[in-house]
Protein backbone atom coordinates (compact mmCIF):
# COMPACT_ATOMS: atom_id res chain seq x y z
CA UNK A 1 -33.37 -10.16 -16.26
CA UNK A 2 -33.65 -13.32 -18.35
CA UNK A 3 -36.94 -13.99 -16.61
CA UNK A 4 -38.33 -10.82 -18.20
CA UNK A 5 -37.64 -12.00 -21.74
CA UNK A 6 -40.58 -12.54 -24.10
CA UNK A 7 -40.91 -16.11 -25.32
CA UNK A 8 -43.09 -16.97 -28.34
CA UNK A 9 -42.95 -19.24 -31.36
CA UNK A 10 -46.07 -18.22 -33.25
CA UNK A 11 -44.12 -16.81 -36.19
CA UNK A 12 -46.46 -13.83 -36.48
CA UNK A 13 -46.23 -10.12 -35.67
CA UNK A 14 -46.45 -10.88 -31.95
CA UNK A 15 -43.24 -12.91 -32.13
CA UNK A 16 -41.52 -10.15 -34.10
CA UNK A 17 -42.62 -7.62 -31.51
CA UNK A 18 -41.40 -9.92 -28.75
CA UNK A 19 -38.01 -10.31 -30.43
CA UNK A 20 -37.70 -6.53 -30.68
CA UNK A 21 -38.59 -6.28 -27.02
CA UNK A 22 -35.90 -8.83 -26.15
CA UNK A 23 -33.32 -6.96 -28.24
CA UNK A 24 -34.21 -3.76 -26.42
CA UNK A 25 -33.68 -5.50 -23.05
CA UNK A 26 -30.34 -6.89 -24.25
CA UNK A 27 -29.29 -3.41 -25.29
CA UNK A 28 -30.36 -1.97 -21.93
CA UNK A 29 -28.36 -4.66 -20.15
CA UNK A 30 -25.30 -3.79 -22.22
CA UNK A 31 -25.71 -0.07 -21.53
CA UNK A 32 -26.05 -0.80 -17.82
CA UNK A 33 -22.86 -2.87 -17.89
CA UNK A 34 -21.02 -0.09 -19.72
CA UNK A 35 -22.31 2.52 -17.27
CA UNK A 36 -21.26 0.40 -14.30
CA UNK A 37 -17.80 -0.14 -15.79
CA UNK A 38 -17.44 3.60 -16.43
CA UNK A 39 -18.52 4.43 -12.87
CA UNK A 40 -16.01 1.94 -11.47
CA UNK A 41 -13.26 3.43 -13.64
CA UNK A 42 -14.11 6.95 -12.51
CA UNK A 43 -14.21 5.85 -8.88
CA UNK A 44 -10.83 4.14 -9.19
CA UNK A 45 -9.38 7.26 -10.78
CA UNK A 46 -10.76 9.39 -7.95
CA UNK A 47 -9.27 7.06 -5.35
CA UNK A 48 -5.92 7.11 -7.15
CA UNK A 49 -5.98 10.90 -7.33
CA UNK A 50 -6.82 11.08 -3.63
CA UNK A 51 -3.93 8.77 -2.80
CA UNK A 52 -1.48 10.92 -4.75
CA UNK A 53 -2.86 14.01 -3.03
CA UNK A 54 -2.31 12.39 0.36
CA UNK A 55 1.20 11.38 -0.66
CA UNK A 56 1.92 14.93 -1.72
CA UNK A 57 0.56 16.43 1.48
CA UNK A 58 2.69 14.00 3.44
CA UNK A 59 5.73 15.05 1.44
CA UNK A 60 5.00 18.68 2.34
CA UNK A 61 5.64 17.81 5.98
CA UNK A 62 9.10 16.57 5.15
CA UNK A 63 10.41 15.19 8.45
CA UNK A 64 14.01 16.05 7.57
CA UNK A 65 13.05 19.61 6.67
CA UNK A 66 11.00 20.01 9.84
CA UNK A 67 13.70 18.45 12.05
CA UNK A 68 16.50 20.54 10.55
CA UNK A 69 14.47 23.73 10.76
CA UNK A 70 13.55 23.15 14.40
CA UNK A 71 17.19 22.35 15.22
CA UNK A 72 18.18 25.64 13.60
CA UNK A 73 15.55 27.49 15.65
CA UNK A 74 16.73 25.75 18.82
CA UNK A 75 20.29 26.91 18.19
CA UNK A 76 19.12 30.45 17.42
CA UNK A 77 17.20 30.59 20.68
CA UNK A 78 20.27 29.27 22.52
CA UNK A 79 22.53 32.00 21.12
CA UNK A 80 19.72 34.59 21.33
CA UNK A 81 19.64 35.11 17.59
CA UNK A 82 16.77 37.56 16.91
CA UNK A 83 15.89 35.65 13.73
CA UNK A 84 14.50 32.74 15.79
CA UNK A 85 11.08 34.37 16.09
CA UNK A 86 11.06 35.09 12.36
CA UNK A 87 11.84 31.44 11.61
CA UNK A 88 8.96 30.23 13.79
CA UNK A 89 6.54 32.66 12.16
CA UNK A 90 7.66 31.56 8.69
CA UNK A 91 7.24 27.89 9.61
CA UNK A 92 3.73 28.50 10.96
CA UNK A 93 2.81 30.44 7.84
CA UNK A 94 4.23 27.71 5.59
CA UNK A 95 2.14 24.95 7.14
CA UNK A 96 -0.96 27.13 7.42
CA UNK A 97 -0.93 27.91 3.70
CA UNK A 98 -0.10 24.29 2.91
CA UNK A 99 -3.17 22.93 4.68
CA UNK A 100 -5.84 22.10 2.14
CA UNK A 101 -9.14 23.94 2.45
CA UNK A 102 -10.72 21.92 -0.34
CA UNK A 103 -9.40 24.06 -3.18
CA UNK A 104 -7.54 22.23 -5.90
CA UNK A 105 -6.45 25.26 -7.90
CA UNK A 106 -4.77 28.48 -6.79
CA UNK A 107 -3.40 31.46 -8.65
CA UNK A 108 0.24 31.63 -9.68
CA UNK A 109 0.60 34.54 -7.25
CA UNK A 110 -0.62 32.42 -4.32
CA UNK A 111 1.57 29.45 -5.22
CA UNK A 112 4.65 31.65 -5.60
CA UNK A 113 3.91 33.25 -2.22
CA UNK A 114 3.99 29.79 -0.65
CA UNK A 115 7.29 29.02 -2.41
CA UNK A 116 8.80 32.30 -1.20
CA UNK A 117 7.92 31.47 2.41
CA UNK A 118 9.63 28.10 2.05
CA UNK A 119 12.67 29.74 0.45
CA UNK A 120 12.92 32.33 3.23
CA UNK A 121 13.28 29.51 5.75
CA UNK A 122 15.88 27.73 3.65
CA UNK A 123 17.84 30.92 3.04
CA UNK A 124 18.15 31.46 6.77
CA UNK A 125 19.08 27.82 7.36
CA UNK A 126 21.75 27.79 4.66
CA UNK A 127 22.98 31.34 5.39
CA UNK A 128 22.61 32.57 1.84
CA UNK A 129 24.35 29.55 0.28
CA UNK A 130 22.38 30.14 -2.91
CA UNK A 131 20.70 33.07 -4.61
CA UNK A 132 17.07 33.05 -5.74
CA UNK A 133 15.62 34.63 -8.85
CA UNK A 134 11.85 34.46 -9.43
CA UNK A 135 10.47 35.90 -12.66
CA UNK A 136 6.74 36.02 -13.44
CA UNK A 137 5.93 36.72 -17.06
CA UNK A 138 3.35 39.33 -17.95
CA UNK A 139 -0.19 38.12 -17.34
CA UNK A 140 0.76 35.00 -15.36
CA UNK A 141 0.03 36.14 -11.78
CA UNK A 142 -3.74 35.63 -11.98
CA UNK A 143 -3.69 32.37 -13.93
CA UNK A 144 -4.52 29.16 -12.08
CA UNK A 145 -2.47 26.03 -11.51
CA UNK A 146 -2.68 22.96 -9.30
CA UNK A 147 -2.02 23.76 -5.65
CA UNK A 148 1.25 22.66 -3.97
CA UNK A 149 3.05 21.67 -7.16
CA UNK A 150 5.96 24.12 -7.16
CA UNK A 151 7.32 23.86 -3.61
CA UNK A 152 8.20 20.13 -3.88
CA UNK A 153 10.16 20.87 -7.08
CA UNK A 154 12.01 23.74 -5.40
CA UNK A 155 12.71 21.51 -2.41
CA UNK A 156 14.08 18.82 -4.71
CA UNK A 157 16.39 21.38 -6.36
CA UNK A 158 17.80 22.45 -2.99
CA UNK A 159 18.36 19.03 -1.43
CA UNK A 160 19.59 17.24 -4.55
CA UNK A 161 21.25 20.09 -6.39
CA UNK A 162 22.36 22.97 -4.17
CA UNK A 163 22.82 21.76 -0.60
CA UNK A 164 26.21 20.11 -1.15
CA UNK A 165 27.41 22.54 -3.81
CA UNK A 166 30.96 23.84 -3.30
CA UNK A 167 30.37 26.97 -5.38
CA UNK A 168 27.82 29.82 -5.27
CA UNK A 169 24.38 28.41 -5.99
CA UNK A 170 21.55 29.84 -8.06
CA UNK A 171 17.90 28.85 -8.09
CA UNK A 172 15.65 30.36 -10.72
CA UNK A 173 11.88 30.06 -11.03
CA UNK A 174 10.38 31.37 -14.27
CA UNK A 175 6.68 31.46 -15.14
CA UNK A 176 5.56 32.18 -18.69
CA UNK A 177 2.67 31.72 -21.09
CA UNK A 178 3.64 29.41 -23.92
CA UNK A 179 1.03 27.00 -25.31
CA UNK A 180 -0.53 27.14 -21.85
CA UNK A 181 1.15 27.97 -18.55
CA UNK A 182 4.79 26.89 -18.21
CA UNK A 183 6.87 26.99 -15.01
CA UNK A 184 10.62 26.30 -15.05
CA UNK A 185 12.58 25.55 -11.88
CA UNK A 186 16.29 25.59 -12.62
CA UNK A 187 19.42 25.25 -10.47
CA UNK A 188 23.15 25.25 -11.14
CA UNK A 189 23.74 22.37 -8.74
CA UNK A 190 25.33 18.97 -9.09
CA UNK A 191 23.02 17.80 -11.83
CA UNK A 192 22.53 14.16 -12.84
CA UNK A 193 24.45 11.61 -14.83
CA UNK A 194 22.89 10.65 -18.15
CA UNK A 195 22.05 7.22 -16.73
CA UNK A 196 20.14 8.64 -13.77
CA UNK A 197 18.36 11.21 -15.95
CA UNK A 198 17.25 8.46 -18.33
CA UNK A 199 15.98 6.38 -15.39
CA UNK A 200 13.93 9.25 -13.95
CA UNK A 201 12.46 10.09 -17.36
CA UNK A 202 11.46 6.47 -17.88
CA UNK A 203 9.87 6.27 -14.42
CA UNK A 204 7.88 9.45 -15.06
CA UNK A 205 6.77 8.09 -18.42
CA UNK A 206 5.59 4.67 -17.31
CA UNK A 207 4.23 5.55 -13.85
CA UNK A 208 4.34 3.29 -10.82
CA UNK A 209 6.95 3.56 -8.11
CA UNK A 210 9.83 5.96 -8.66
CA UNK A 211 12.99 6.98 -6.84
CA UNK A 212 12.24 10.69 -7.02
CA UNK A 213 9.01 10.74 -5.00
CA UNK A 214 8.56 14.51 -5.11
CA UNK A 215 8.87 14.74 -8.88
CA UNK A 216 6.68 11.69 -9.42
CA UNK A 217 3.84 12.85 -7.14
CA UNK A 218 3.69 16.27 -8.76
CA UNK A 219 3.83 14.79 -12.27
CA UNK A 220 1.06 12.30 -11.59
CA UNK A 221 -1.20 14.84 -9.87
CA UNK A 222 -0.96 17.17 -12.87
CA UNK A 223 -1.63 14.33 -15.34
CA UNK A 224 -4.58 13.00 -13.33
CA UNK A 225 -6.13 16.45 -13.05
CA UNK A 226 -5.52 17.85 -16.54
CA UNK A 227 -4.67 14.88 -18.76
CA UNK A 228 -1.52 13.25 -20.10
CA UNK A 229 -0.58 16.21 -22.30
CA UNK A 230 0.43 18.02 -19.11
CA UNK A 231 2.94 17.25 -16.38
CA UNK A 232 6.65 17.83 -15.98
CA UNK A 233 9.86 17.23 -17.89
CA UNK A 234 13.39 16.97 -16.51
CA UNK A 235 16.62 18.11 -18.15
CA UNK A 236 19.98 17.88 -16.43
CA UNK A 237 23.72 18.03 -17.06
CA UNK A 238 26.12 16.42 -14.62
CA UNK A 239 27.99 18.99 -12.48
CA UNK A 240 26.14 21.85 -14.22
CA UNK A 241 22.56 21.79 -13.04
CA UNK A 242 18.99 20.64 -13.50
CA UNK A 243 15.86 22.17 -15.00
CA UNK A 244 12.34 20.90 -14.29
CA UNK A 245 9.62 22.22 -16.59
CA UNK A 246 6.00 22.02 -15.47
CA UNK A 247 3.24 22.45 -18.03
CA UNK A 248 -0.36 23.41 -17.19
CA UNK A 249 -3.34 24.49 -19.33
CA UNK A 250 -4.15 28.18 -19.65
CA UNK A 251 -6.75 28.80 -16.91
CA UNK A 252 -8.18 32.17 -15.97
CA UNK A 253 -10.73 30.59 -13.63
CA UNK A 254 -10.64 27.79 -11.02
CA UNK A 255 -13.71 26.33 -12.73
CA UNK A 256 -12.69 23.80 -15.35
CA UNK A 257 -15.00 22.65 -18.13
CA UNK A 258 -14.58 19.07 -19.24
CA UNK A 259 -14.17 20.35 -22.78
CA UNK A 260 -10.89 22.08 -21.97
CA UNK A 261 -8.56 21.53 -24.94
CA UNK A 262 -5.57 19.38 -24.08
CA UNK A 263 -3.16 21.83 -25.67
CA UNK A 264 -4.38 24.67 -23.42
CA UNK A 265 -5.80 27.99 -24.50
CA UNK A 266 -4.01 30.94 -26.04
CA UNK A 267 -3.97 34.12 -23.94
CA UNK A 268 -6.56 35.93 -26.05
CA UNK A 269 -9.26 33.28 -25.67
CA UNK A 270 -12.00 34.15 -23.20
CA UNK A 271 -13.77 31.45 -21.23
């Protein structure tokens, strides 16, 4: 662009006009650089979000879960357990609903339905080792949240909290409206030591690689989609249990305006 600059040394109005023209070109160059930098930043964010989405979808097809479930079905078929067909149908339904059709947001009702299918399979596998309590607060069923964010948290609670428990287990999922949409997944399993809890909290806070892949992927997807005021928090007491709290904005529509307040919307606000 330097070749387009106006060069004059007459000291008159023409030179002043030329200098103004040059300043305008400099400003345009700066705006172009800023626009290019912004486009690159947006593109990088989109690629990062896509990578986390792929990681999450991969985690949905947990090879251990699939292997163990198929082994259970194989045994059921061998002993002619009539529940074998039910298990296969549940597994097909689970993966069918988990396949992305392009939608990023689903209703609480749809997400809970997916979680219930997963839990039905696990209840059969573990022969009622733990009880399940799902409570949806008034007005939450038709609100929207990010798809495939609850099942990984429930899965984490089972494998790390309830599977090896030597006492009756309890898994509770509670959805409520409180400064946005809040979902709590709580178990009475083995819990975490204070050191491990502090490590996980720090990893969730700073980003990057983390030990708890399921928690990290869900947390990052929520933050990338809605902003850093949303995501998940972990509380745990060793030998008593763990509670994961997920926070979303208040959404009555899958269409999100960029002006969505970070703190979410109160229930009485219409969009």
